[in-house]
Amino acid sequence: MRIRAWLSRAHRTIAVVAGVWVVAIGLTGALLVFAPELEAWSSPELFRVAPGDSRYSLDAIVSTASQRFPHEPLFRIRLPDSPEDRLELWLSSTSGRRVYVDPYRGTILGSRLPEQTPFG
């Protein structure tokens, strides 16, 4: 009976440690999966726009961004997912700056470096 009690205690101890580990993995994984939604929730002024009648051309938007950030070449363009979504320009693969643009008005809403974001 003594071995059974020891095995039961060892089993419970290992289960608690493993349970804490599994919960930590689940929570951090959920944060990574929902990072874009959490960033949009924390900074709606950068992520949401009022839809308009027509959109600016990509050439005009890229030209505006390159005038504002002349030493950071365009690396990637992320198009809006919905009518209320912003256009996102990724500049310079080394700095990783993100520039958020209203596609209807062509105005720059703001920019951030990765280390300035909650999940950077």
C-alpha atoms as a PDB file:
ATOM      1  CA  MET A   1       0.000   0.000   0.000  1.00  0.00           C
ATOM      2  CA  ARG A   2       2.905   2.312   0.616  1.00  0.00           C
ATOM      3  CA  ILE A   3       4.018   2.168  -3.019  1.00  0.00           C
ATOM      4  CA  ARG A   4       0.480   2.920  -4.155  1.00  0.00           C
ATOM      5  CA  ALA A   5       0.321   6.065  -1.973  1.00  0.00           C
ATOM      6  CA  TRP A   6       3.723   7.220  -3.256  1.00  0.00           C
ATOM      7  CA  LEU A   7       2.691   6.622  -6.891  1.00  0.00           C
ATOM      8  CA  SER A   8      -0.573   8.470  -6.347  1.00  0.00           C
ATOM      9  CA  ARG A   9       1.225  11.485  -4.848  1.00  0.00           C
ATOM     10  CA  ALA A  10       3.837  11.471  -7.636  1.00  0.00           C
ATOM     11  CA  HIS A  11       1.079  11.258 -10.246  1.00  0.00           C
ATOM     12  CA  ARG A  12      -0.797  14.250  -8.771  1.00  0.00           C
ATOM     13  CA  THR A  13       2.392  16.321  -8.488  1.00  0.00           C
ATOM     14  CA  ILE A  14       3.386  15.618 -12.082  1.00  0.00           C
ATOM     15  CA  ALA A  15      -0.184  16.344 -13.252  1.00  0.00           C
ATOM     16  CA  VAL A  16      -0.214  19.754 -11.525  1.00  0.00           C
ATOM     17  CA  VAL A  17       3.172  20.717 -12.996  1.00  0.00           C
ATOM     18  CA  ALA A  18       2.171  19.488 -16.462  1.00  0.00           C
ATOM     19  CA  GLY A  19      -1.203  21.254 -16.165  1.00  0.00           C
ATOM     20  CA  VAL A  20       0.439  24.585 -15.376  1.00  0.00           C
ATOM     21  CA  TRP A  21       2.777  24.062 -18.350  1.00  0.00           C
ATOM     22  CA  VAL A  22      -0.115  23.224 -20.711  1.00  0.00           C
ATOM     23  CA  VAL A  23      -2.132  26.263 -19.554  1.00  0.00           C
ATOM     24  CA  ALA A  24       0.909  28.542 -20.088  1.00  0.00           C
ATOM     25  CA  ILE A  25       1.441  27.149 -23.580  1.00  0.00           C
ATOM     26  CA  GLY A  26      -2.260  27.588 -24.400  1.00  0.00           C
ATOM     27  CA  LEU A  27      -2.418  31.200 -23.182  1.00  0.00           C
ATOM     28  CA  THR A  28       0.759  32.328 -24.935  1.00  0.00           C
ATOM     29  CA  GLY A  29      -0.336  30.545 -28.113  1.00  0.00           C
ATOM     30  CA  ALA A  30      -3.705  32.308 -27.999  1.00  0.00           C
ATOM     31  CA  LEU A  31      -1.932  35.662 -27.636  1.00  0.00           C
ATOM     32  CA  LEU A  32       0.174  34.909 -30.707  1.00  0.00           C
ATOM     33  CA  VAL A  33      -2.799  33.741 -32.766  1.00  0.00           C
ATOM     34  CA  PHE A  34      -4.942  36.756 -31.893  1.00  0.00           C
ATOM     35  CA  ALA A  35      -2.099  39.327 -31.962  1.00  0.00           C
ATOM     36  CA  PRO A  36      -3.464  41.253 -34.998  1.00  0.00           C
ATOM     37  CA  GLU A  37      -6.928  41.533 -33.442  1.00  0.00           C
ATOM     38  CA  LEU A  38      -5.482  42.609 -30.094  1.00  0.00           C
ATOM     39  CA  GLU A  39      -3.310  45.250 -31.764  1.00  0.00           C
ATOM     40  CA  ALA A  40      -6.319  46.581 -33.707  1.00  0.00           C
ATOM     41  CA  TRP A  41      -8.312  46.702 -30.463  1.00  0.00           C
ATOM     42  CA  SER A  42      -5.520  48.556 -28.632  1.00  0.00           C
ATOM     43  CA  SER A  43      -4.965  51.164 -31.411  1.00  0.00           C
ATOM     44  CA  PRO A  44      -8.196  51.621 -33.379  1.00  0.00           C
ATOM     45  CA  GLU A  45      -7.012  54.988 -34.759  1.00  0.00           C
ATOM     46  CA  LEU A  46      -4.336  53.132 -36.768  1.00  0.00           C
ATOM     47  CA  PHE A  47      -6.389  50.150 -37.852  1.00  0.00           C
ATOM     48  CA  ARG A  48      -9.911  51.367 -38.676  1.00  0.00           C
ATOM     49  CA  VAL A  49     -11.034  53.902 -41.295  1.00  0.00           C
ATOM     50  CA  ALA A  50     -14.356  55.264 -42.488  1.00  0.00           C
ATOM     51  CA  PRO A  51     -15.132  53.828 -45.929  1.00  0.00           C
ATOM     52  CA  GLY A  52     -15.311  56.307 -48.789  1.00  0.00           C
ATOM     53  CA  ASP A  53     -16.558  56.305 -52.362  1.00  0.00           C
ATOM     54  CA  SER A  54     -13.258  55.576 -54.081  1.00  0.00           C
ATOM     55  CA  ARG A  55      -9.752  54.546 -53.105  1.00  0.00           C
ATOM     56  CA  TYR A  56      -6.475  56.276 -53.842  1.00  0.00           C
ATOM     57  CA  SER A  57      -4.158  54.523 -56.250  1.00  0.00           C
ATOM     58  CA  LEU A  58      -1.351  52.443 -54.779  1.00  0.00           C
ATOM     59  CA  ASP A  59       1.178  54.550 -56.702  1.00  0.00           C
ATOM     60  CA  ALA A  60      -0.030  57.743 -54.995  1.00  0.00           C
ATOM     61  CA  ILE A  61       0.007  56.089 -51.568  1.00  0.00           C
ATOM     62  CA  VAL A  62       3.502  54.657 -52.058  1.00  0.00           C
ATOM     63  CA  SER A  63       4.712  58.052 -53.311  1.00  0.00           C
ATOM     64  CA  THR A  64       3.336  59.766 -50.194  1.00  0.00           C
ATOM     65  CA  ALA A  65       5.015  57.209 -47.921  1.00  0.00           C
ATOM     66  CA  SER A  66       8.347  57.430 -49.727  1.00  0.00           C
ATOM     67  CA  GLN A  67       8.301  61.230 -49.376  1.00  0.00           C
ATOM     68  CA  ARG A  68       7.616  60.937 -45.650  1.00  0.00           C
ATOM     69  CA  PHE A  69      10.174  58.148 -45.087  1.00  0.00           C
ATOM     70  CA  PRO A  70      12.785  58.753 -47.824  1.00  0.00           C
ATOM     71  CA  HIS A  71      15.498  56.473 -46.425  1.00  0.00           C
ATOM     72  CA  GLU A  72      13.286  53.424 -45.961  1.00  0.00           C
ATOM     73  CA  PRO A  73      12.398  51.574 -49.178  1.00  0.00           C
ATOM     74  CA  LEU A  74       9.063  49.804 -49.578  1.00  0.00           C
ATOM     75  CA  PHE A  75       9.303  46.148 -48.624  1.00  0.00           C
ATOM     76  CA  ARG A  76       5.694  44.911 -48.680  1.00  0.00           C
ATOM     77  CA  ILE A  77       2.111  46.134 -49.113  1.00  0.00           C
ATOM     78  CA  ARG A  78      -0.701  44.616 -47.088  1.00  0.00           C
ATOM     79  CA  LEU A  79      -4.059  45.331 -48.683  1.00  0.00           C
ATOM     80  CA  PRO A  80      -7.207  45.918 -46.594  1.00  0.00           C
ATOM     81  CA  ASP A  81      -9.241  42.862 -45.596  1.00  0.00           C
ATOM     82  CA  SER A  82     -12.514  44.787 -45.280  1.00  0.00           C
ATOM     83  CA  PRO A  83     -13.896  48.227 -46.281  1.00  0.00           C
ATOM     84  CA  GLU A  84     -13.160  49.583 -42.763  1.00  0.00           C
ATOM     85  CA  ASP A  85      -9.592  48.271 -42.797  1.00  0.00           C
ATOM     86  CA  ARG A  86      -6.452  50.344 -43.388  1.00  0.00           C
ATOM     87  CA  LEU A  87      -3.731  49.764 -45.947  1.00  0.00           C
ATOM     88  CA  GLU A  88      -0.433  48.754 -44.399  1.00  0.00           C
ATOM     89  CA  LEU A  89       2.991  49.420 -45.893  1.00  0.00           C
ATOM     90  CA  TRP A  90       6.020  47.590 -44.567  1.00  0.00           C
ATOM     91  CA  LEU A  91       9.166  49.605 -45.079  1.00  0.00           C
ATOM     92  CA  SER A  92      12.794  48.521 -45.001  1.00  0.00           C
ATOM     93  CA  SER A  93      13.203  44.869 -44.159  1.00  0.00           C
ATOM     94  CA  THR A  94      15.875  45.859 -41.623  1.00  0.00           C
ATOM     95  CA  SER A  95      13.863  48.366 -39.548  1.00  0.00           C
ATOM     96  CA  GLY A  96      10.484  46.690 -40.091  1.00  0.00           C
ATOM     97  CA  ARG A  97       8.555  49.982 -39.874  1.00  0.00           C
ATOM     98  CA  ARG A  98       4.821  49.650 -40.484  1.00  0.00           C
ATOM     99  CA  VAL A  99       3.015  52.633 -42.036  1.00  0.00           C
ATOM    100  CA  TYR A 100      -0.790  52.684 -41.757  1.00  0.00           C
ATOM    101  CA  VAL A 101      -2.637  54.525 -44.545  1.00  0.00           C
ATOM    102  CA  ASP A 102      -6.287  55.425 -45.095  1.00  0.00           C
ATOM    103  CA  PRO A 103      -6.872  53.981 -48.599  1.00  0.00           C
ATOM    104  CA  TYR A 104      -9.831  56.312 -49.248  1.00  0.00           C
ATOM    105  CA  ARG A 105      -8.156  59.609 -48.372  1.00  0.00           C
ATOM    106  CA  GLY A 106      -4.514  58.698 -48.977  1.00  0.00           C
ATOM    107  CA  THR A 107      -3.479  60.038 -45.567  1.00  0.00           C
ATOM    108  CA  ILE A 108      -0.919  58.399 -43.325  1.00  0.00           C
ATOM    109  CA  LEU A 109      -2.620  57.434 -40.071  1.00  0.00           C
ATOM    110  CA  GLY A 110       0.658  56.724 -38.304  1.00  0.00           C
ATOM    111  CA  SER A 111       3.666  54.454 -38.247  1.00  0.00           C
ATOM    112  CA  ARG A 112       5.303  52.132 -35.762  1.00  0.00           C
ATOM    113  CA  LEU A 113       8.460  50.127 -35.437  1.00  0.00           C
ATOM    114  CA  PRO A 114       8.011  46.508 -34.327  1.00  0.00           C
ATOM    115  CA  GLU A 115       9.385  47.240 -30.852  1.00  0.00           C
ATOM    116  CA  GLN A 116       6.660  49.878 -30.389  1.00  0.00           C
ATOM    117  CA  THR A 117       3.868  47.320 -30.777  1.00  0.00           C
ATOM    118  CA  PRO A 118       2.510  45.144 -27.977  1.00  0.00           C
ATOM    119  CA  PHE A 119       3.708  41.980 -29.734  1.00  0.00           C
ATOM    120  CA  GLY A 120       6.797  43.371 -31.456  1.00  0.00           C
END
